[in-house]
């Protein structure tokens, strides 16, 4: 069965206020509910500090995911024991099945 959700992670160094990585939207394979995605975020990226919202064309606002954060040691040349506050913006797109008579195709949920 195809995943019901697509997930994108954006990595932010909140100490220096810069984005340092971003994934593409990919199928979420660890579970099959929004709760499973939230638990994954807690386990992998630390405590939840906020929600992610997007503005719609009609002026309304839609909840799109969560912001998680934890303290992480710098890697590489900067690693002299220094740490930074890492935020991960976890954005979620829910897909809904549409049956066109030949196959079930998953479309973005409005």
PDB file of N, CA and C in Angstrom:
ATOM      1  N   UNK A   1       0.843  -1.195   0.000  1.00  0.00           N
ATOM      2  CA  UNK A   1       0.000   0.000   0.000  1.00  0.00           C
ATOM      3  C   UNK A   1       0.879   1.247   0.000  1.00  0.00           C
ATOM      4  N   UNK A   2       0.461   2.237  -0.752  1.00  0.00           N
ATOM      5  CA  UNK A   2       1.204   3.502  -0.824  1.00  0.00           C
ATOM      6  C   UNK A   2       1.013   4.301   0.462  1.00  0.00           C
ATOM      7  N   UNK A   3       2.011   5.100   0.776  1.00  0.00           N
ATOM      8  CA  UNK A   3       1.939   5.941   1.966  1.00  0.00           C
ATOM      9  C   UNK A   3       0.830   6.984   1.816  1.00  0.00           C
ATOM     10  N   UNK A   4       0.156   7.289   2.914  1.00  0.00           N
ATOM     11  CA  UNK A   4      -0.885   8.321   2.916  1.00  0.00           C
ATOM     12  C   UNK A   4      -0.315   9.714   3.116  1.00  0.00           C
ATOM     13  N   UNK A   5       0.993   9.805   3.442  1.00  0.00           N
ATOM     14  CA  UNK A   5       1.584  11.094   3.775  1.00  0.00           C
ATOM     15  C   UNK A   5       2.916  11.296   3.060  1.00  0.00           C
ATOM     16  N   UNK A   6       3.166  12.552   2.703  1.00  0.00           N
ATOM     17  CA  UNK A   6       4.485  12.972   2.247  1.00  0.00           C
ATOM     18  C   UNK A   6       5.045  13.888   3.322  1.00  0.00           C
ATOM     19  N   UNK A   7       6.349  13.758   3.608  1.00  0.00           N
ATOM     20  CA  UNK A   7       6.981  14.520   4.685  1.00  0.00           C
ATOM     21  C   UNK A   7       8.248  15.187   4.167  1.00  0.00           C
ATOM     22  N   UNK A   8       8.455  16.442   4.572  1.00  0.00           N
ATOM     23  CA  UNK A   8       9.693  17.155   4.259  1.00  0.00           C
ATOM     24  C   UNK A   8      10.287  17.695   5.556  1.00  0.00           C
ATOM     25  N   UNK A   9      11.620  17.550   5.702  1.00  0.00           N
ATOM     26  CA  UNK A   9      12.320  18.058   6.875  1.00  0.00           C
ATOM     27  C   UNK A   9      13.236  19.195   6.452  1.00  0.00           C
ATOM     28  N   UNK A  10      13.125  20.326   7.140  1.00  0.00           N
ATOM     29  CA  UNK A  10      14.020  21.459   6.932  1.00  0.00           C
ATOM     30  C   UNK A  10      14.831  21.647   8.205  1.00  0.00           C
ATOM     31  N   UNK A  11      16.167  21.639   8.070  1.00  0.00           N
ATOM     32  CA  UNK A  11      17.069  21.717   9.214  1.00  0.00           C
ATOM     33  C   UNK A  11      17.583  23.142   9.376  1.00  0.00           C
ATOM     34  N   UNK A  12      17.442  23.683  10.594  1.00  0.00           N
ATOM     35  CA  UNK A  12      17.791  25.069  10.880  1.00  0.00           C
ATOM     36  C   UNK A  12      18.760  25.120  12.058  1.00  0.00           C
ATOM     37  N   UNK A  13      19.841  25.894  11.892  1.00  0.00           N
ATOM     38  CA  UNK A  13      20.728  26.217  13.015  1.00  0.00           C
ATOM     39  C   UNK A  13      20.132  27.470  13.641  1.00  0.00           C
ATOM     40  N   UNK A  14      19.359  27.292  14.709  1.00  0.00           N
ATOM     41  CA  UNK A  14      18.672  28.424  15.334  1.00  0.00           C
ATOM     42  C   UNK A  14      19.645  29.343  16.064  1.00  0.00           C
ATOM     43  N   UNK A  15      20.825  28.851  16.416  1.00  0.00           N
ATOM     44  CA  UNK A  15      21.834  29.672  17.079  1.00  0.00           C
ATOM     45  C   UNK A  15      22.363  30.737  16.121  1.00  0.00           C
ATOM     46  N   UNK A  16      22.597  30.338  14.864  1.00  0.00           N
ATOM     47  CA  UNK A  16      23.108  31.279  13.866  1.00  0.00           C
ATOM     48  C   UNK A  16      22.032  31.732  12.891  1.00  0.00           C
ATOM     49  N   UNK A  17      20.785  31.281  13.105  1.00  0.00           N
ATOM     50  CA  UNK A  17      19.644  31.689  12.295  1.00  0.00           C
ATOM     51  C   UNK A  17      19.852  31.412  10.808  1.00  0.00           C
ATOM     52  N   UNK A  18      20.169  30.142  10.473  1.00  0.00           N
ATOM     53  CA  UNK A  18      20.349  29.791   9.061  1.00  0.00           C
ATOM     54  C   UNK A  18      19.862  28.369   8.800  1.00  0.00           C
ATOM     55  N   UNK A  19      19.356  28.156   7.583  1.00  0.00           N
ATOM     56  CA  UNK A  19      18.947  26.825   7.137  1.00  0.00           C
ATOM     57  C   UNK A  19      20.185  26.124   6.607  1.00  0.00           C
ATOM     58  N   UNK A  20      20.390  24.862   7.022  1.00  0.00           N
ATOM     59  CA  UNK A  20      21.564  24.146   6.523  1.00  0.00           C
ATOM     60  C   UNK A  20      21.228  22.843   5.833  1.00  0.00           C
ATOM     61  N   UNK A  21      19.957  22.534   5.672  1.00  0.00           N
ATOM     62  CA  UNK A  21      19.583  21.328   4.953  1.00  0.00           C
ATOM     63  C   UNK A  21      18.083  21.219   4.787  1.00  0.00           C
ATOM     64  N   UNK A  22      17.684  20.538   3.713  1.00  0.00           N
ATOM     65  CA  UNK A  22      16.259  20.367   3.450  1.00  0.00           C
ATOM     66  C   UNK A  22      16.078  19.127   2.589  1.00  0.00           C
ATOM     67  N   UNK A  23      15.118  18.298   2.961  1.00  0.00           N
ATOM     68  CA  UNK A  23      14.807  17.135   2.136  1.00  0.00           C
ATOM     69  C   UNK A  23      13.692  17.488   1.160  1.00  0.00           C
ATOM     70  N   UNK A  24      13.471  16.620   0.196  1.00  0.00           N
ATOM     71  CA  UNK A  24      12.306  16.745  -0.690  1.00  0.00           C
ATOM     72  C   UNK A  24      11.124  16.106   0.029  1.00  0.00           C
ATOM     73  N   UNK A  25       9.915  16.363  -0.457  1.00  0.00           N
ATOM     74  CA  UNK A  25       8.764  15.654   0.091  1.00  0.00           C
ATOM     75  C   UNK A  25       8.896  14.193  -0.307  1.00  0.00           C
ATOM     76  N   UNK A  26       8.894  13.305   0.700  1.00  0.00           N
ATOM     77  CA  UNK A  26       9.050  11.876   0.479  1.00  0.00           C
ATOM     78  C   UNK A  26       7.967  11.120   1.225  1.00  0.00           C
ATOM     79  N   UNK A  27       7.596   9.930   0.742  1.00  0.00           N
ATOM     80  CA  UNK A  27       6.593   9.137   1.454  1.00  0.00           C
ATOM     81  C   UNK A  27       7.051   8.807   2.870  1.00  0.00           C
ATOM     82  N   UNK A  28       6.127   8.895   3.811  1.00  0.00           N
ATOM     83  CA  UNK A  28       6.414   8.557   5.208  1.00  0.00           C
ATOM     84  C   UNK A  28       6.129   7.082   5.391  1.00  0.00           C
ATOM     85  N   UNK A  29       7.152   6.302   5.724  1.00  0.00           N
ATOM     86  CA  UNK A  29       7.012   4.847   5.781  1.00  0.00           C
ATOM     87  C   UNK A  29       7.046   4.273   7.199  1.00  0.00           C
ATOM     88  N   UNK A  30       7.179   5.118   8.228  1.00  0.00           N
ATOM     89  CA  UNK A  30       7.353   4.632   9.599  1.00  0.00           C
ATOM     90  C   UNK A  30       6.012   4.332  10.273  1.00  0.00           C
ATOM     91  N   UNK A  31       4.941   4.870   9.789  1.00  0.00           N
ATOM     92  CA  UNK A  31       3.618   4.652  10.370  1.00  0.00           C
ATOM     93  C   UNK A  31       2.575   5.133   9.383  1.00  0.00           C
ATOM     94  N   UNK A  32       1.315   5.167   9.818  1.00  0.00           N
ATOM     95  CA  UNK A  32       0.287   5.589   8.869  1.00  0.00           C
ATOM     96  C   UNK A  32      -0.729   6.571   9.428  1.00  0.00           C
ATOM     97  N   UNK A  33      -0.334   7.324  10.468  1.00  0.00           N
ATOM     98  CA  UNK A  33      -1.203   8.384  10.981  1.00  0.00           C
ATOM     99  C   UNK A  33      -0.358   9.634  11.238  1.00  0.00           C
ATOM    100  N   UNK A  34      -1.035  10.773  11.372  1.00  0.00           N
ATOM    101  CA  UNK A  34      -0.324  12.007  11.725  1.00  0.00           C
ATOM    102  C   UNK A  34       0.327  11.862  13.107  1.00  0.00           C
ATOM    103  N   UNK A  35      -0.308  11.116  13.983  1.00  0.00           N
ATOM    104  CA  UNK A  35       0.264  10.861  15.307  1.00  0.00           C
ATOM    105  C   UNK A  35       1.592  10.119  15.214  1.00  0.00           C
ATOM    106  N   UNK A  36       1.695   9.169  14.279  1.00  0.00           N
ATOM    107  CA  UNK A  36       2.950   8.447  14.071  1.00  0.00           C
ATOM    108  C   UNK A  36       4.045   9.399  13.593  1.00  0.00           C
ATOM    109  N   UNK A  37       3.676  10.347  12.748  1.00  0.00           N
ATOM    110  CA  UNK A  37       4.649  11.328  12.256  1.00  0.00           C
ATOM    111  C   UNK A  37       5.114  12.219  13.405  1.00  0.00           C
ATOM    112  N   UNK A  38       4.176  12.652  14.243  1.00  0.00           N
ATOM    113  CA  UNK A  38       4.516  13.489  15.391  1.00  0.00           C
ATOM    114  C   UNK A  38       5.465  12.734  16.337  1.00  0.00           C
ATOM    115  N   UNK A  39       5.153  11.478  16.631  1.00  0.00           N
ATOM    116  CA  UNK A  39       6.009  10.669  17.516  1.00  0.00           C
ATOM    117  C   UNK A  39       7.402  10.483  16.908  1.00  0.00           C
ATOM    118  N   UNK A  40       7.470  10.304  15.591  1.00  0.00           N
ATOM    119  CA  UNK A  40       8.758  10.210  14.906  1.00  0.00           C
ATOM    120  C   UNK A  40       9.560  11.502  15.121  1.00  0.00           C
ATOM    121  N   UNK A  41       8.899  12.642  14.983  1.00  0.00           N
ATOM    122  CA  UNK A  41       9.556  13.932  15.192  1.00  0.00           C
ATOM    123  C   UNK A  41      10.111  14.061  16.597  1.00  0.00           C
ATOM    124  N   UNK A  42       9.336  13.672  17.593  1.00  0.00           N
ATOM    125  CA  UNK A  42       9.801  13.721  18.985  1.00  0.00           C
ATOM    126  C   UNK A  42      11.020  12.827  19.188  1.00  0.00           C
ATOM    127  N   UNK A  43      10.944  11.618  18.657  1.00  0.00           N
ATOM    128  CA  UNK A  43      12.017  10.641  18.848  1.00  0.00           C
ATOM    129  C   UNK A  43      13.309  11.068  18.148  1.00  0.00           C
ATOM    130  N   UNK A  44      13.196  11.586  16.928  1.00  0.00           N
ATOM    131  CA  UNK A  44      14.377  11.906  16.123  1.00  0.00           C
ATOM    132  C   UNK A  44      14.907  13.325  16.331  1.00  0.00           C
ATOM    133  N   UNK A  45      14.004  14.283  16.627  1.00  0.00           N
ATOM    134  CA  UNK A  45      14.393  15.689  16.570  1.00  0.00           C
ATOM    135  C   UNK A  45      14.173  16.478  17.858  1.00  0.00           C
ATOM    136  N   UNK A  46      13.750  15.824  18.938  1.00  0.00           N
ATOM    137  CA  UNK A  46      13.615  16.533  20.212  1.00  0.00           C
ATOM    138  C   UNK A  46      12.206  17.022  20.492  1.00  0.00           C
ATOM    139  N   UNK A  47      12.123  17.991  21.386  1.00  0.00           N
ATOM    140  CA  UNK A  47      10.805  18.463  21.839  1.00  0.00           C
ATOM    141  C   UNK A  47      10.111  19.311  20.768  1.00  0.00           C
ATOM    142  N   UNK A  48       8.786  19.291  20.798  1.00  0.00           N
ATOM    143  CA  UNK A  48       7.994  20.098  19.869  1.00  0.00           C
ATOM    144  C   UNK A  48       7.820  21.489  20.471  1.00  0.00           C
ATOM    145  N   UNK A  49       8.139  22.517  19.682  1.00  0.00           N
ATOM    146  CA  UNK A  49       8.048  23.888  20.191  1.00  0.00           C
ATOM    147  C   UNK A  49       6.988  24.722  19.486  1.00  0.00           C
ATOM    148  N   UNK A  50       6.509  24.243  18.340  1.00  0.00           N
ATOM    149  CA  UNK A  50       5.565  25.053  17.577  1.00  0.00           C
ATOM    150  C   UNK A  50       4.939  24.206  16.480  1.00  0.00           C
ATOM    151  N   UNK A  51       3.996  24.787  15.788  1.00  0.00           N
ATOM    152  CA  UNK A  51       3.423  24.177  14.588  1.00  0.00           C
ATOM    153  C   UNK A  51       3.899  24.970  13.369  1.00  0.00           C
ATOM    154  N   UNK A  52       3.878  24.316  12.218  1.00  0.00           N
ATOM    155  CA  UNK A  52       4.198  24.978  10.949  1.00  0.00           C
ATOM    156  C   UNK A  52       2.867  25.293  10.261  1.00  0.00           C
ATOM    157  N   UNK A  53       2.731  26.532   9.788  1.00  0.00           N
ATOM    158  CA  UNK A  53       1.516  26.954   9.104  1.00  0.00           C
ATOM    159  C   UNK A  53       1.867  27.472   7.715  1.00  0.00           C
ATOM    160  N   UNK A  54       0.916  27.353   6.785  1.00  0.00           N
ATOM    161  CA  UNK A  54       1.073  27.948   5.462  1.00  0.00           C
ATOM    162  C   UNK A  54      -0.146  28.825   5.181  1.00  0.00           C
ATOM    163  N   UNK A  55       0.091  29.893   4.431  1.00  0.00           N
ATOM    164  CA  UNK A  55      -0.998  30.772   4.013  1.00  0.00           C
ATOM    165  C   UNK A  55      -1.612  30.225   2.736  1.00  0.00           C
ATOM    166  N   UNK A  56      -2.926  30.214   2.681  1.00  0.00           N
ATOM    167  CA  UNK A  56      -3.635  29.781   1.480  1.00  0.00           C
ATOM    168  C   UNK A  56      -3.943  30.988   0.613  1.00  0.00           C
ATOM    169  N   UNK A  57      -4.272  30.725  -0.658  1.00  0.00           N
ATOM    170  CA  UNK A  57      -4.592  31.801  -1.597  1.00  0.00           C
ATOM    171  C   UNK A  57      -5.809  32.607  -1.155  1.00  0.00           C
ATOM    172  N   UNK A  58      -6.751  31.932  -0.465  1.00  0.00           N
ATOM    173  CA  UNK A  58      -7.968  32.627  -0.033  1.00  0.00           C
ATOM    174  C   UNK A  58      -7.764  33.446   1.243  1.00  0.00           C
ATOM    175  N   UNK A  59      -6.522  33.474   1.765  1.00  0.00           N
ATOM    176  CA  UNK A  59      -6.223  34.259   2.952  1.00  0.00           C
ATOM    177  C   UNK A  59      -6.290  33.486   4.254  1.00  0.00           C
ATOM    178  N   UNK A  60      -6.802  32.263   4.205  1.00  0.00           N
ATOM    179  CA  UNK A  60      -6.853  31.452   5.419  1.00  0.00           C
ATOM    180  C   UNK A  60      -5.481  30.823   5.692  1.00  0.00           C
ATOM    181  N   UNK A  61      -5.360  30.221   6.857  1.00  0.00           N
ATOM    182  CA  UNK A  61      -4.105  29.602   7.283  1.00  0.00           C
ATOM    183  C   UNK A  61      -4.362  28.121   7.537  1.00  0.00           C
ATOM    184  N   UNK A  62      -3.414  27.268   7.117  1.00  0.00           N
ATOM    185  CA  UNK A  62      -3.563  25.829   7.317  1.00  0.00           C
ATOM    186  C   UNK A  62      -2.364  25.296   8.095  1.00  0.00           C
ATOM    187  N   UNK A  63      -2.639  24.443   9.091  1.00  0.00           N
ATOM    188  CA  UNK A  63      -1.565  23.771   9.822  1.00  0.00           C
ATOM    189  C   UNK A  63      -0.908  22.763   8.885  1.00  0.00           C
ATOM    190  N   UNK A  64       0.424  22.783   8.838  1.00  0.00           N
ATOM    191  CA  UNK A  64       1.153  21.950   7.879  1.00  0.00           C
ATOM    192  C   UNK A  64       2.104  20.967   8.556  1.00  0.00           C
ATOM    193  N   UNK A  65       2.378  21.124   9.852  1.00  0.00           N
ATOM    194  CA  UNK A  65       3.329  20.241  10.527  1.00  0.00           C
ATOM    195  C   UNK A  65       3.764  20.819  11.856  1.00  0.00           C
ATOM    196  N   UNK A  66       5.013  20.472  12.260  1.00  0.00           N
ATOM    197  CA  UNK A  66       5.514  20.868  13.569  1.00  0.00           C
ATOM    198  C   UNK A  66       6.967  21.317  13.490  1.00  0.00           C
ATOM    199  N   UNK A  67       7.394  22.057  14.522  1.00  0.00           N
ATOM    200  CA  UNK A  67       8.795  22.441  14.684  1.00  0.00           C
ATOM    201  C   UNK A  67       9.321  21.719  15.918  1.00  0.00           C
ATOM    202  N   UNK A  68      10.417  20.989  15.749  1.00  0.00           N
ATOM    203  CA  UNK A  68      11.067  20.274  16.843  1.00  0.00           C
ATOM    204  C   UNK A  68      12.446  20.881  17.048  1.00  0.00           C
ATOM    205  N   UNK A  69      12.965  20.803  18.283  1.00  0.00           N
ATOM    206  CA  UNK A  69      14.310  21.325  18.500  1.00  0.00           C
ATOM    207  C   UNK A  69      15.043  20.542  19.580  1.00  0.00           C
ATOM    208  N   UNK A  70      16.379  20.535  19.435  1.00  0.00           N
ATOM    209  CA  UNK A  70      17.260  19.930  20.432  1.00  0.00           C
ATOM    210  C   UNK A  70      18.646  20.528  20.278  1.00  0.00           C
ATOM    211  N   UNK A  71      19.454  20.423  21.317  1.00  0.00           N
ATOM    212  CA  UNK A  71      20.832  20.915  21.288  1.00  0.00           C
ATOM    213  C   UNK A  71      21.702  19.826  20.672  1.00  0.00           C
ATOM    214  N   UNK A  72      22.556  20.236  19.698  1.00  0.00           N
ATOM    215  CA  UNK A  72      23.380  19.302  18.934  1.00  0.00           C
ATOM    216  C   UNK A  72      24.797  19.848  18.844  1.00  0.00           C
ATOM    217  N   UNK A  73      25.799  18.951  18.878  1.00  0.00           N
ATOM    218  CA  UNK A  73      27.198  19.363  18.735  1.00  0.00           C
ATOM    219  C   UNK A  73      27.495  19.641  17.257  1.00  0.00           C
ATOM    220  N   UNK A  74      28.264  20.710  17.006  1.00  0.00           N
ATOM    221  CA  UNK A  74      28.725  20.983  15.643  1.00  0.00           C
ATOM    222  C   UNK A  74      29.607  19.837  15.173  1.00  0.00           C
ATOM    223  N   UNK A  75      29.603  19.578  13.874  1.00  0.00           N
ATOM    224  CA  UNK A  75      30.460  18.552  13.284  1.00  0.00           C
ATOM    225  C   UNK A  75      31.574  19.218  12.485  1.00  0.00           C
ATOM    226  N   UNK A  76      32.640  18.474  12.223  1.00  0.00           N
ATOM    227  CA  UNK A  76      33.705  18.979  11.362  1.00  0.00           C
ATOM    228  C   UNK A  76      34.609  19.977  12.055  1.00  0.00           C
ATOM    229  N   UNK A  77      35.033  20.991  11.301  1.00  0.00           N
ATOM    230  CA  UNK A  77      35.999  21.968  11.801  1.00  0.00           C
ATOM    231  C   UNK A  77      35.506  22.744  13.011  1.00  0.00           C
ATOM    232  N   UNK A  78      34.228  22.922  13.130  1.00  0.00           N
ATOM    233  CA  UNK A  78      33.675  23.725  14.224  1.00  0.00           C
ATOM    234  C   UNK A  78      33.406  22.905  15.474  1.00  0.00           C
ATOM    235  N   UNK A  79      33.845  21.662  15.508  1.00  0.00           N
ATOM    236  CA  UNK A  79      33.395  20.733  16.538  1.00  0.00           C
ATOM    237  C   UNK A  79      34.074  20.862  17.892  1.00  0.00           C
ATOM    238  N   UNK A  80      34.782  21.882  18.187  1.00  0.00           N
ATOM    239  CA  UNK A  80      35.521  22.024  19.455  1.00  0.00           C
ATOM    240  C   UNK A  80      34.611  21.988  20.677  1.00  0.00           C
ATOM    241  N   UNK A  81      33.694  21.069  20.695  1.00  0.00           N
ATOM    242  CA  UNK A  81      32.801  20.938  21.833  1.00  0.00           C
ATOM    243  C   UNK A  81      31.649  21.922  21.823  1.00  0.00           C
ATOM    244  N   UNK A  82      31.567  22.769  20.806  1.00  0.00           N
ATOM    245  CA  UNK A  82      30.483  23.746  20.729  1.00  0.00           C
ATOM    246  C   UNK A  82      29.187  23.063  20.305  1.00  0.00           C
ATOM    247  N   UNK A  83      28.093  23.584  20.794  1.00  0.00           N
ATOM    248  CA  UNK A  83      26.781  23.067  20.410  1.00  0.00           C
ATOM    249  C   UNK A  83      25.930  24.191  19.834  1.00  0.00           C
ATOM    250  N   UNK A  84      24.862  23.799  19.176  1.00  0.00           N
ATOM    251  CA  UNK A  84      23.912  24.768  18.646  1.00  0.00           C
ATOM    252  C   UNK A  84      22.508  24.236  18.834  1.00  0.00           C
ATOM    253  N   UNK A  85      21.522  25.112  18.736  1.00  0.00           N
ATOM    254  CA  UNK A  85      20.126  24.715  18.843  1.00  0.00           C
ATOM    255  C   UNK A  85      19.632  24.353  17.445  1.00  0.00           C
ATOM    256  N   UNK A  86      19.378  23.062  17.241  1.00  0.00           N
ATOM    257  CA  UNK A  86      18.908  22.587  15.940  1.00  0.00           C
ATOM    258  C   UNK A  86      17.386  22.535  15.944  1.00  0.00           C
ATOM    259  N   UNK A  87      16.792  23.184  14.951  1.00  0.00           N
ATOM    260  CA  UNK A  87      15.351  23.081  14.739  1.00  0.00           C
ATOM    261  C   UNK A  87      15.123  22.255  13.485  1.00  0.00           C
ATOM    262  N   UNK A  88      14.089  21.447  13.511  1.00  0.00           N
ATOM    263  CA  UNK A  88      13.669  20.714  12.323  1.00  0.00           C
ATOM    264  C   UNK A  88      12.207  21.039  12.092  1.00  0.00           C
ATOM    265  N   UNK A  89      11.934  21.627  10.920  1.00  0.00           N
ATOM    266  CA  UNK A  89      10.562  21.915  10.517  1.00  0.00           C
ATOM    267  C   UNK A  89      10.072  20.689   9.759  1.00  0.00           C
ATOM    268  N   UNK A  90       9.093  19.994  10.316  1.00  0.00           N
ATOM    269  CA  UNK A  90       8.559  18.775   9.732  1.00  0.00           C
ATOM    270  C   UNK A  90       7.221  19.119   9.075  1.00  0.00           C
ATOM    271  N   UNK A  91       7.220  19.177   7.747  1.00  0.00           N
ATOM    272  CA  UNK A  91       6.003  19.525   7.004  1.00  0.00           C
ATOM    273  C   UNK A  91       5.343  18.253   6.480  1.00  0.00           C
ATOM    274  N   UNK A  92       4.020  18.195   6.558  1.00  0.00           N
ATOM    275  CA  UNK A  92       3.275  16.994   6.204  1.00  0.00           C
ATOM    276  C   UNK A  92       2.210  17.328   5.164  1.00  0.00           C
ATOM    277  N   UNK A  93       2.159  16.520   4.113  1.00  0.00           N
ATOM    278  CA  UNK A  93       1.076  16.600   3.122  1.00  0.00           C
ATOM    279  C   UNK A  93       0.309  15.287   3.186  1.00  0.00           C
ATOM    280  N   UNK A  94      -0.995  15.372   3.422  1.00  0.00           N
ATOM    281  CA  UNK A  94      -1.830  14.169   3.440  1.00  0.00           C
ATOM    282  C   UNK A  94      -2.367  13.925   2.037  1.00  0.00           C
ATOM    283  N   UNK A  95      -2.295  12.668   1.607  1.00  0.00           N
ATOM    284  CA  UNK A  95      -2.776  12.280   0.288  1.00  0.00           C
ATOM    285  C   UNK A  95      -4.094  11.542   0.433  1.00  0.00           C
ATOM    286  N   UNK A  96      -4.992  11.745  -0.527  1.00  0.00           N
ATOM    287  CA  UNK A  96      -6.274  11.035  -0.518  1.00  0.00           C
ATOM    288  C   UNK A  96      -6.399  10.231  -1.805  1.00  0.00           C
ATOM    289  N   UNK A  97      -6.944   9.016  -1.718  1.00  0.00           N
ATOM    290  CA  UNK A  97      -7.051   8.186  -2.918  1.00  0.00           C
ATOM    291  C   UNK A  97      -8.191   8.646  -3.826  1.00  0.00           C
ATOM    292  N   UNK A  98      -7.931   8.590  -5.126  1.00  0.00           N
ATOM    293  CA  UNK A  98      -8.964   8.820  -6.134  1.00  0.00           C
ATOM    294  C   UNK A  98      -8.923   7.652  -7.100  1.00  0.00           C
ATOM    295  N   UNK A  99     -10.040   6.989  -7.275  1.00  0.00           N
ATOM    296  CA  UNK A  99     -10.087   5.847  -8.175  1.00  0.00           C
ATOM    297  C   UNK A  99     -10.615   6.316  -9.524  1.00  0.00           C
ATOM    298  N   UNK A 100      -9.778   6.191 -10.571  1.00  0.00           N
ATOM    299  CA  UNK A 100     -10.200   6.648 -11.890  1.00  0.00           C
ATOM    300  C   UNK A 100     -10.716   5.499 -12.752  1.00  0.00           C
ATOM    301  N   UNK A 101     -11.006   4.344 -12.159  1.00  0.00           N
ATOM    302  CA  UNK A 101     -11.508   3.204 -12.899  1.00  0.00           C
ATOM    303  C   UNK A 101     -10.407   2.244 -13.321  1.00  0.00           C
ATOM    304  N   UNK A 102      -9.204   2.743 -13.499  1.00  0.00           N
ATOM    305  CA  UNK A 102      -8.089   1.898 -13.888  1.00  0.00           C
ATOM    306  C   UNK A 102      -7.140   1.621 -12.729  1.00  0.00           C
ATOM    307  N   UNK A 103      -6.931   2.633 -11.916  1.00  0.00           N
ATOM    308  CA  UNK A 103      -6.003   2.500 -10.789  1.00  0.00           C
ATOM    309  C   UNK A 103      -6.365   3.525  -9.722  1.00  0.00           C
ATOM    310  N   UNK A 104      -5.876   3.304  -8.529  1.00  0.00           N
ATOM    311  CA  UNK A 104      -6.056   4.275  -7.461  1.00  0.00           C
ATOM    312  C   UNK A 104      -4.879   5.215  -7.476  1.00  0.00           C
ATOM    313  N   UNK A 105      -5.178   6.489  -7.622  1.00  0.00           N
ATOM    314  CA  UNK A 105      -4.145   7.523  -7.674  1.00  0.00           C
ATOM    315  C   UNK A 105      -4.292   8.384  -6.419  1.00  0.00           C
ATOM    316  N   UNK A 106      -3.167   8.711  -5.791  1.00  0.00           N
ATOM    317  CA  UNK A 106      -3.222   9.555  -4.589  1.00  0.00           C
ATOM    318  C   UNK A 106      -2.980  11.005  -4.953  1.00  0.00           C
ATOM    319  N   UNK A 107      -3.882  11.863  -4.512  1.00  0.00           N
ATOM    320  CA  UNK A 107      -3.806  13.291  -4.771  1.00  0.00           C
ATOM    321  C   UNK A 107      -3.650  14.025  -3.449  1.00  0.00           C
ATOM    322  N   UNK A 108      -3.146  15.248  -3.527  1.00  0.00           N
ATOM    323  CA  UNK A 108      -2.997  16.095  -2.349  1.00  0.00           C
ATOM    324  C   UNK A 108      -4.360  16.413  -1.758  1.00  0.00           C
ATOM    325  N   UNK A 109      -4.481  16.305  -0.439  1.00  0.00           N
ATOM    326  CA  UNK A 109      -5.739  16.653   0.231  1.00  0.00           C
ATOM    327  C   UNK A 109      -5.852  18.162   0.290  1.00  0.00           C
ATOM    328  N   UNK A 110      -6.988  18.735  -0.091  1.00  0.00           N
ATOM    329  CA  UNK A 110      -7.138  20.200  -0.065  1.00  0.00           C
ATOM    330  C   UNK A 110      -7.120  20.778   1.330  1.00  0.00           C
TER     331      UNK A 110
END
